[in-house]
Amino acid sequence: MPTEDRRAELAQKALDTYARQAASEHRWRTVRRLHDVSECEIVDLITDLLLLARLRGHDPATIVGKAERHVYAETGHQYGP
């Protein structure tokens, strides 16, 4: 299994690719430097992935729950209330 750093690196590549594509569609109006990460961009990518999941017959809420459990299992840190 990849390390947390390696997984974050892969996520950064996915976010960079997504942000470039979104910028070409004028979704974001500001200039973005490579590897800049805003919470809004992360939320937009996650939202679009959940929309894709729903269109493919998966329950977005179930996916979010599983992802939260994975983060907790891998980091030992519980987020949220």
PDB file of N, CA and C in Angstrom:
ATOM      1  N   MET A   1       0.844  -1.176   0.000  1.00  0.00           N
ATOM      2  CA  MET A   1       0.000   0.000   0.000  1.00  0.00           C
ATOM      3  C   MET A   1       0.891   1.241   0.000  1.00  0.00           C
ATOM      4  N   PRO A   2       0.554   2.243  -0.834  1.00  0.00           N
ATOM      5  CA  PRO A   2       1.361   3.463  -0.876  1.00  0.00           C
ATOM      6  C   PRO A   2       1.332   4.209   0.459  1.00  0.00           C
ATOM      7  N   THR A   3       2.378   4.958   0.714  1.00  0.00           N
ATOM      8  CA  THR A   3       2.438   5.763   1.934  1.00  0.00           C
ATOM      9  C   THR A   3       1.467   6.937   1.828  1.00  0.00           C
ATOM     10  N   GLU A   4       1.211   7.571   2.964  1.00  0.00           N
ATOM     11  CA  GLU A   4       0.344   8.744   2.978  1.00  0.00           C
ATOM     12  C   GLU A   4       0.909   9.840   2.072  1.00  0.00           C
ATOM     13  N   ASP A   5       2.230  10.032   2.112  1.00  0.00           N
ATOM     14  CA  ASP A   5       2.851  11.045   1.253  1.00  0.00           C
ATOM     15  C   ASP A   5       2.650  10.721  -0.223  1.00  0.00           C
ATOM     16  N   ARG A   6       2.806   9.458  -0.584  1.00  0.00           N
ATOM     17  CA  ARG A   6       2.630   9.051  -1.989  1.00  0.00           C
ATOM     18  C   ARG A   6       1.175   9.237  -2.424  1.00  0.00           C
ATOM     19  N   ARG A   7       0.258   8.900  -1.549  1.00  0.00           N
ATOM     20  CA  ARG A   7      -1.155   9.064  -1.873  1.00  0.00           C
ATOM     21  C   ARG A   7      -1.503  10.542  -2.025  1.00  0.00           C
ATOM     22  N   ALA A   8      -0.941  11.390  -1.171  1.00  0.00           N
ATOM     23  CA  ALA A   8      -1.172  12.829  -1.285  1.00  0.00           C
ATOM     24  C   ALA A   8      -0.589  13.357  -2.591  1.00  0.00           C
ATOM     25  N   GLU A   9       0.553  12.816  -2.982  1.00  0.00           N
ATOM     26  CA  GLU A   9       1.181  13.199  -4.252  1.00  0.00           C
ATOM     27  C   GLU A   9       0.272  12.834  -5.438  1.00  0.00           C
ATOM     28  N   LEU A  10      -0.299  11.646  -5.403  1.00  0.00           N
ATOM     29  CA  LEU A  10      -1.222  11.226  -6.463  1.00  0.00           C
ATOM     30  C   LEU A  10      -2.477  12.095  -6.473  1.00  0.00           C
ATOM     31  N   ALA A  11      -2.972  12.427  -5.286  1.00  0.00           N
ATOM     32  CA  ALA A  11      -4.147  13.299  -5.189  1.00  0.00           C
ATOM     33  C   ALA A  11      -3.827  14.681  -5.749  1.00  0.00           C
ATOM     34  N   GLN A  12      -2.613  15.172  -5.487  1.00  0.00           N
ATOM     35  CA  GLN A  12      -2.212  16.475  -6.015  1.00  0.00           C
ATOM     36  C   GLN A  12      -2.213  16.463  -7.540  1.00  0.00           C
ATOM     37  N   LYS A  13      -1.716  15.379  -8.124  1.00  0.00           N
ATOM     38  CA  LYS A  13      -1.713  15.266  -9.585  1.00  0.00           C
ATOM     39  C   LYS A  13      -3.140  15.259 -10.133  1.00  0.00           C
ATOM     40  N   ALA A  14      -4.024  14.543  -9.462  1.00  0.00           N
ATOM     41  CA  ALA A  14      -5.421  14.510  -9.891  1.00  0.00           C
ATOM     42  C   ALA A  14      -6.045  15.902  -9.785  1.00  0.00           C
ATOM     43  N   LEU A  15      -5.781  16.592  -8.679  1.00  0.00           N
ATOM     44  CA  LEU A  15      -6.328  17.930  -8.491  1.00  0.00           C
ATOM     45  C   LEU A  15      -5.762  18.914  -9.507  1.00  0.00           C
ATOM     46  N   ASP A  16      -4.472  18.834  -9.787  1.00  0.00           N
ATOM     47  CA  ASP A  16      -3.864  19.717 -10.790  1.00  0.00           C
ATOM     48  C   ASP A  16      -4.506  19.509 -12.157  1.00  0.00           C
ATOM     49  N   THR A  17      -4.693  18.247 -12.544  1.00  0.00           N
ATOM     50  CA  THR A  17      -5.314  17.934 -13.832  1.00  0.00           C
ATOM     51  C   THR A  17      -6.739  18.450 -13.871  1.00  0.00           C
ATOM     52  N   TYR A  18      -7.485  18.208 -12.818  1.00  0.00           N
ATOM     53  CA  TYR A  18      -8.871  18.666 -12.719  1.00  0.00           C
ATOM     54  C   TYR A  18      -8.942  20.192 -12.798  1.00  0.00           C
ATOM     55  N   ALA A  19      -8.074  20.869 -12.051  1.00  0.00           N
ATOM     56  CA  ALA A  19      -8.086  22.334 -12.021  1.00  0.00           C
ATOM     57  C   ALA A  19      -7.736  22.922 -13.383  1.00  0.00           C
ATOM     58  N   ARG A  20      -6.789  22.308 -14.090  1.00  0.00           N
ATOM     59  CA  ARG A  20      -6.452  22.792 -15.436  1.00  0.00           C
ATOM     60  C   ARG A  20      -7.657  22.670 -16.357  1.00  0.00           C
ATOM     61  N   GLN A  21      -8.332  21.546 -16.301  1.00  0.00           N
ATOM     62  CA  GLN A  21      -9.502  21.329 -17.143  1.00  0.00           C
ATOM     63  C   GLN A  21     -10.621  22.299 -16.766  1.00  0.00           C
ATOM     64  N   ALA A  22     -10.854  22.455 -15.482  1.00  0.00           N
ATOM     65  CA  ALA A  22     -11.903  23.361 -15.015  1.00  0.00           C
ATOM     66  C   ALA A  22     -11.589  24.802 -15.399  1.00  0.00           C
ATOM     67  N   ALA A  23     -10.319  25.186 -15.322  1.00  0.00           N
ATOM     68  CA  ALA A  23      -9.923  26.544 -15.691  1.00  0.00           C
ATOM     69  C   ALA A  23     -10.169  26.786 -17.178  1.00  0.00           C
ATOM     70  N   SER A  24      -9.967  25.758 -17.998  1.00  0.00           N
ATOM     71  CA  SER A  24     -10.214  25.919 -19.431  1.00  0.00           C
ATOM     72  C   SER A  24     -11.699  26.099 -19.718  1.00  0.00           C
ATOM     73  N   GLU A  25     -12.547  25.701 -18.763  1.00  0.00           N
ATOM     74  CA  GLU A  25     -13.988  25.900 -18.894  1.00  0.00           C
ATOM     75  C   GLU A  25     -14.431  27.158 -18.148  1.00  0.00           C
ATOM     76  N   HIS A  26     -13.452  27.975 -17.713  1.00  0.00           N
ATOM     77  CA  HIS A  26     -13.705  29.237 -17.008  1.00  0.00           C
ATOM     78  C   HIS A  26     -14.475  29.033 -15.710  1.00  0.00           C
ATOM     79  N   ARG A  27     -14.259  27.912 -15.077  1.00  0.00           N
ATOM     80  CA  ARG A  27     -14.942  27.634 -13.819  1.00  0.00           C
ATOM     81  C   ARG A  27     -14.369  28.494 -12.705  1.00  0.00           C
ATOM     82  N   TRP A  28     -13.063  28.666 -12.720  1.00  0.00           N
ATOM     83  CA  TRP A  28     -12.424  29.535 -11.739  1.00  0.00           C
ATOM     84  C   TRP A  28     -11.896  30.754 -12.470  1.00  0.00           C
ATOM     85  N   ARG A  29     -12.078  31.897 -11.878  1.00  0.00           N
ATOM     86  CA  ARG A  29     -11.707  33.153 -12.518  1.00  0.00           C
ATOM     87  C   ARG A  29     -10.314  33.638 -12.137  1.00  0.00           C
ATOM     88  N   THR A  30      -9.688  33.008 -11.171  1.00  0.00           N
ATOM     89  CA  THR A  30      -8.379  33.473 -10.731  1.00  0.00           C
ATOM     90  C   THR A  30      -7.283  32.612 -11.340  1.00  0.00           C
ATOM     91  N   VAL A  31      -6.102  33.192 -11.439  1.00  0.00           N
ATOM     92  CA  VAL A  31      -4.951  32.453 -11.933  1.00  0.00           C
ATOM     93  C   VAL A  31      -4.476  31.535 -10.819  1.00  0.00           C
ATOM     94  N   ARG A  32      -4.188  30.303 -11.165  1.00  0.00           N
ATOM     95  CA  ARG A  32      -3.798  29.292 -10.182  1.00  0.00           C
ATOM     96  C   ARG A  32      -2.404  28.796 -10.518  1.00  0.00           C
ATOM     97  N   ARG A  33      -1.529  28.798  -9.530  1.00  0.00           N
ATOM     98  CA  ARG A  33      -0.190  28.241  -9.717  1.00  0.00           C
ATOM     99  C   ARG A  33      -0.236  26.744  -9.498  1.00  0.00           C
ATOM    100  N   LEU A  34       0.632  26.023 -10.176  1.00  0.00           N
ATOM    101  CA  LEU A  34       0.719  24.573 -10.022  1.00  0.00           C
ATOM    102  C   LEU A  34       0.900  24.222  -8.555  1.00  0.00           C
ATOM    103  N   HIS A  35       0.145  23.253  -8.089  1.00  0.00           N
ATOM    104  CA  HIS A  35       0.176  22.720  -6.730  1.00  0.00           C
ATOM    105  C   HIS A  35      -0.442  23.640  -5.684  1.00  0.00           C
ATOM    106  N   ASP A  36      -1.000  24.791  -6.090  1.00  0.00           N
ATOM    107  CA  ASP A  36      -1.797  25.561  -5.136  1.00  0.00           C
ATOM    108  C   ASP A  36      -3.056  24.748  -4.874  1.00  0.00           C
ATOM    109  N   VAL A  37      -3.472  24.713  -3.654  1.00  0.00           N
ATOM    110  CA  VAL A  37      -4.662  23.945  -3.306  1.00  0.00           C
ATOM    111  C   VAL A  37      -5.595  24.831  -2.496  1.00  0.00           C
ATOM    112  N   SER A  38      -6.797  25.005  -3.015  1.00  0.00           N
ATOM    113  CA  SER A  38      -7.801  25.703  -2.227  1.00  0.00           C
ATOM    114  C   SER A  38      -8.851  24.689  -1.803  1.00  0.00           C
ATOM    115  N   GLU A  39      -9.470  24.958  -0.679  1.00  0.00           N
ATOM    116  CA  GLU A  39     -10.516  24.068  -0.189  1.00  0.00           C
ATOM    117  C   GLU A  39     -11.644  23.974  -1.206  1.00  0.00           C
ATOM    118  N   CYS A  40     -11.936  25.083  -1.857  1.00  0.00           N
ATOM    119  CA  CYS A  40     -13.007  25.109  -2.857  1.00  0.00           C
ATOM    120  C   CYS A  40     -12.726  24.131  -4.000  1.00  0.00           C
ATOM    121  N   GLU A  41     -11.494  24.103  -4.479  1.00  0.00           N
ATOM    122  CA  GLU A  41     -11.145  23.187  -5.568  1.00  0.00           C
ATOM    123  C   GLU A  41     -11.261  21.730  -5.136  1.00  0.00           C
ATOM    124  N   ILE A  42     -10.848  21.447  -3.920  1.00  0.00           N
ATOM    125  CA  ILE A  42     -10.964  20.079  -3.410  1.00  0.00           C
ATOM    126  C   ILE A  42     -12.431  19.684  -3.310  1.00  0.00           C
ATOM    127  N   VAL A  43     -13.251  20.584  -2.774  1.00  0.00           N
ATOM    128  CA  VAL A  43     -14.688  20.303  -2.656  1.00  0.00           C
ATOM    129  C   VAL A  43     -15.313  20.113  -4.034  1.00  0.00           C
ATOM    130  N   ASP A  44     -14.937  20.953  -4.993  1.00  0.00           N
ATOM    131  CA  ASP A  44     -15.484  20.812  -6.351  1.00  0.00           C
ATOM    132  C   ASP A  44     -15.118  19.466  -6.961  1.00  0.00           C
ATOM    133  N   LEU A  45     -13.870  19.038  -6.798  1.00  0.00           N
ATOM    134  CA  LEU A  45     -13.448  17.744  -7.340  1.00  0.00           C
ATOM    135  C   LEU A  45     -14.199  16.606  -6.654  1.00  0.00           C
ATOM    136  N   ILE A  46     -14.287  16.654  -5.339  1.00  0.00           N
ATOM    137  CA  ILE A  46     -15.011  15.603  -4.622  1.00  0.00           C
ATOM    138  C   ILE A  46     -16.471  15.582  -5.050  1.00  0.00           C
ATOM    139  N   THR A  47     -17.083  16.757  -5.178  1.00  0.00           N
ATOM    140  CA  THR A  47     -18.481  16.835  -5.609  1.00  0.00           C
ATOM    141  C   THR A  47     -18.662  16.206  -6.977  1.00  0.00           C
ATOM    142  N   ASP A  48     -17.782  16.541  -7.896  1.00  0.00           N
ATOM    143  CA  ASP A  48     -17.898  15.985  -9.246  1.00  0.00           C
ATOM    144  C   ASP A  48     -17.677  14.478  -9.250  1.00  0.00           C
ATOM    145  N   LEU A  49     -16.764  13.992  -8.417  1.00  0.00           N
ATOM    146  CA  LEU A  49     -16.569  12.538  -8.298  1.00  0.00           C
ATOM    147  C   LEU A  49     -17.816  11.861  -7.731  1.00  0.00           C
ATOM    148  N   LEU A  50     -18.468  12.507  -6.767  1.00  0.00           N
ATOM    149  CA  LEU A  50     -19.688  11.938  -6.200  1.00  0.00           C
ATOM    150  C   LEU A  50     -20.841  11.968  -7.204  1.00  0.00           C
ATOM    151  N   LEU A  51     -20.893  13.013  -8.025  1.00  0.00           N
ATOM    152  CA  LEU A  51     -21.901  13.047  -9.092  1.00  0.00           C
ATOM    153  C   LEU A  51     -21.665  11.921 -10.094  1.00  0.00           C
ATOM    154  N   LEU A  52     -20.410  11.692 -10.430  1.00  0.00           N
ATOM    155  CA  LEU A  52     -20.064  10.589 -11.324  1.00  0.00           C
ATOM    156  C   LEU A  52     -20.465   9.256 -10.697  1.00  0.00           C
ATOM    157  N   ALA A  53     -20.169   9.100  -9.430  1.00  0.00           N
ATOM    158  CA  ALA A  53     -20.533   7.862  -8.736  1.00  0.00           C
ATOM    159  C   ALA A  53     -22.038   7.638  -8.792  1.00  0.00           C
ATOM    160  N   ARG A  54     -22.804   8.692  -8.533  1.00  0.00           N
ATOM    161  CA  ARG A  54     -24.272   8.582  -8.575  1.00  0.00           C
ATOM    162  C   ARG A  54     -24.749   8.175  -9.959  1.00  0.00           C
ATOM    163  N   LEU A  55     -24.156   8.769 -10.989  1.00  0.00           N
ATOM    164  CA  LEU A  55     -24.530   8.420 -12.361  1.00  0.00           C
ATOM    165  C   LEU A  55     -24.160   6.987 -12.723  1.00  0.00           C
ATOM    166  N   ARG A  56     -23.191   6.437 -11.999  1.00  0.00           N
ATOM    167  CA  ARG A  56     -22.768   5.051 -12.237  1.00  0.00           C
ATOM    168  C   ARG A  56     -23.474   4.063 -11.305  1.00  0.00           C
ATOM    169  N   GLY A  57     -24.460   4.574 -10.554  1.00  0.00           N
ATOM    170  CA  GLY A  57     -25.273   3.700  -9.727  1.00  0.00           C
ATOM    171  C   GLY A  57     -24.815   3.503  -8.304  1.00  0.00           C
ATOM    172  N   HIS A  58     -23.883   4.327  -7.841  1.00  0.00           N
ATOM    173  CA  HIS A  58     -23.389   4.229  -6.473  1.00  0.00           C
ATOM    174  C   HIS A  58     -24.042   5.302  -5.607  1.00  0.00           C
ATOM    175  N   ASP A  59     -24.115   5.054  -4.317  1.00  0.00           N
ATOM    176  CA  ASP A  59     -24.688   6.015  -3.379  1.00  0.00           C
ATOM    177  C   ASP A  59     -23.585   6.947  -2.873  1.00  0.00           C
ATOM    178  N   PRO A  60     -23.660   8.240  -3.204  1.00  0.00           N
ATOM    179  CA  PRO A  60     -22.621   9.172  -2.769  1.00  0.00           C
ATOM    180  C   PRO A  60     -22.421   9.208  -1.253  1.00  0.00           C
ATOM    181  N   ALA A  61     -23.498   9.127  -0.472  1.00  0.00           N
ATOM    182  CA  ALA A  61     -23.370   9.174   0.985  1.00  0.00           C
ATOM    183  C   ALA A  61     -22.597   7.968   1.516  1.00  0.00           C
ATOM    184  N   THR A  62     -22.821   6.807   0.907  1.00  0.00           N
ATOM    185  CA  THR A  62     -22.081   5.604   1.304  1.00  0.00           C
ATOM    186  C   THR A  62     -20.600   5.766   1.008  1.00  0.00           C
ATOM    187  N   ILE A  63     -20.294   6.344  -0.138  1.00  0.00           N
ATOM    188  CA  ILE A  63     -18.894   6.568  -0.527  1.00  0.00           C
ATOM    189  C   ILE A  63     -18.220   7.537   0.438  1.00  0.00           C
ATOM    190  N   VAL A  64     -18.907   8.614   0.796  1.00  0.00           N
ATOM    191  CA  VAL A  64     -18.340   9.585   1.741  1.00  0.00           C
ATOM    192  C   VAL A  64     -18.072   8.918   3.085  1.00  0.00           C
ATOM    193  N   GLY A  65     -19.017   8.116   3.555  1.00  0.00           N
ATOM    194  CA  GLY A  65     -18.831   7.411   4.827  1.00  0.00           C
ATOM    195  C   GLY A  65     -17.634   6.478   4.789  1.00  0.00           C
ATOM    196  N   LYS A  66     -17.508   5.738   3.694  1.00  0.00           N
ATOM    197  CA  LYS A  66     -16.362   4.832   3.561  1.00  0.00           C
ATOM    198  C   LYS A  66     -15.053   5.610   3.524  1.00  0.00           C
ATOM    199  N   ALA A  67     -15.046   6.725   2.793  1.00  0.00           N
ATOM    200  CA  ALA A  67     -13.829   7.537   2.707  1.00  0.00           C
ATOM    201  C   ALA A  67     -13.446   8.085   4.082  1.00  0.00           C
ATOM    202  N   GLU A  68     -14.436   8.525   4.858  1.00  0.00           N
ATOM    203  CA  GLU A  68     -14.148   9.022   6.207  1.00  0.00           C
ATOM    204  C   GLU A  68     -13.550   7.922   7.076  1.00  0.00           C
ATOM    205  N   ARG A  69     -14.092   6.725   6.973  1.00  0.00           N
ATOM    206  CA  ARG A  69     -13.548   5.614   7.761  1.00  0.00           C
ATOM    207  C   ARG A  69     -12.130   5.271   7.309  1.00  0.00           C
ATOM    208  N   HIS A  70     -11.856   5.364   6.015  1.00  0.00           N
ATOM    209  CA  HIS A  70     -10.508   5.088   5.508  1.00  0.00           C
ATOM    210  C   HIS A  70      -9.519   6.116   6.032  1.00  0.00           C
ATOM    211  N   VAL A  71      -9.912   7.390   6.012  1.00  0.00           N
ATOM    212  CA  VAL A  71      -9.015   8.434   6.519  1.00  0.00           C
ATOM    213  C   VAL A  71      -8.709   8.186   7.990  1.00  0.00           C
ATOM    214  N   TYR A  72      -9.738   7.859   8.763  1.00  0.00           N
ATOM    215  CA  TYR A  72      -9.517   7.590  10.180  1.00  0.00           C
ATOM    216  C   TYR A  72      -8.591   6.385  10.373  1.00  0.00           C
ATOM    217  N   ALA A  73      -8.848   5.318   9.625  1.00  0.00           N
ATOM    218  CA  ALA A  73      -8.027   4.107   9.759  1.00  0.00           C
ATOM    219  C   ALA A  73      -6.575   4.358   9.369  1.00  0.00           C
ATOM    220  N   GLU A  74      -6.363   5.192   8.389  1.00  0.00           N
ATOM    221  CA  GLU A  74      -5.007   5.429   7.892  1.00  0.00           C
ATOM    222  C   GLU A  74      -4.255   6.493   8.666  1.00  0.00           C
ATOM    223  N   THR A  75      -4.980   7.424   9.302  1.00  0.00           N
ATOM    224  CA  THR A  75      -4.299   8.503  10.008  1.00  0.00           C
ATOM    225  C   THR A  75      -4.465   8.415  11.527  1.00  0.00           C
ATOM    226  N   GLY A  76      -5.480   7.677  11.961  1.00  0.00           N
ATOM    227  CA  GLY A  76      -5.764   7.598  13.383  1.00  0.00           C
ATOM    228  C   GLY A  76      -6.411   8.864  13.927  1.00  0.00           C
ATOM    229  N   HIS A  77      -6.788   9.768  13.033  1.00  0.00           N
ATOM    230  CA  HIS A  77      -7.391  11.037  13.448  1.00  0.00           C
ATOM    231  C   HIS A  77      -8.821  11.112  12.959  1.00  0.00           C
ATOM    232  N   GLN A  78      -9.744  11.378  13.863  1.00  0.00           N
ATOM    233  CA  GLN A  78     -11.152  11.530  13.502  1.00  0.00           C
ATOM    234  C   GLN A  78     -11.427  13.002  13.230  1.00  0.00           C
ATOM    235  N   TYR A  79     -12.053  13.289  12.117  1.00  0.00           N
ATOM    236  CA  TYR A  79     -12.365  14.656  11.741  1.00  0.00           C
ATOM    237  C   TYR A  79     -13.847  14.906  11.949  1.00  0.00           C
ATOM    238  N   GLY A  80     -14.210  16.168  12.045  1.00  0.00           N
ATOM    239  CA  GLY A  80     -15.614  16.525  12.181  1.00  0.00           C
ATOM    240  C   GLY A  80     -16.060  16.567  13.627  1.00  0.00           C
ATOM    241  N   PRO A  81     -17.378  16.722  13.789  1.00  0.00           N
ATOM    242  CA  PRO A  81     -17.921  16.878  15.146  1.00  0.00           C
ATOM    243  C   PRO A  81     -17.779  15.620  15.986  1.00  0.00           C
TER     244      PRO A  81
END
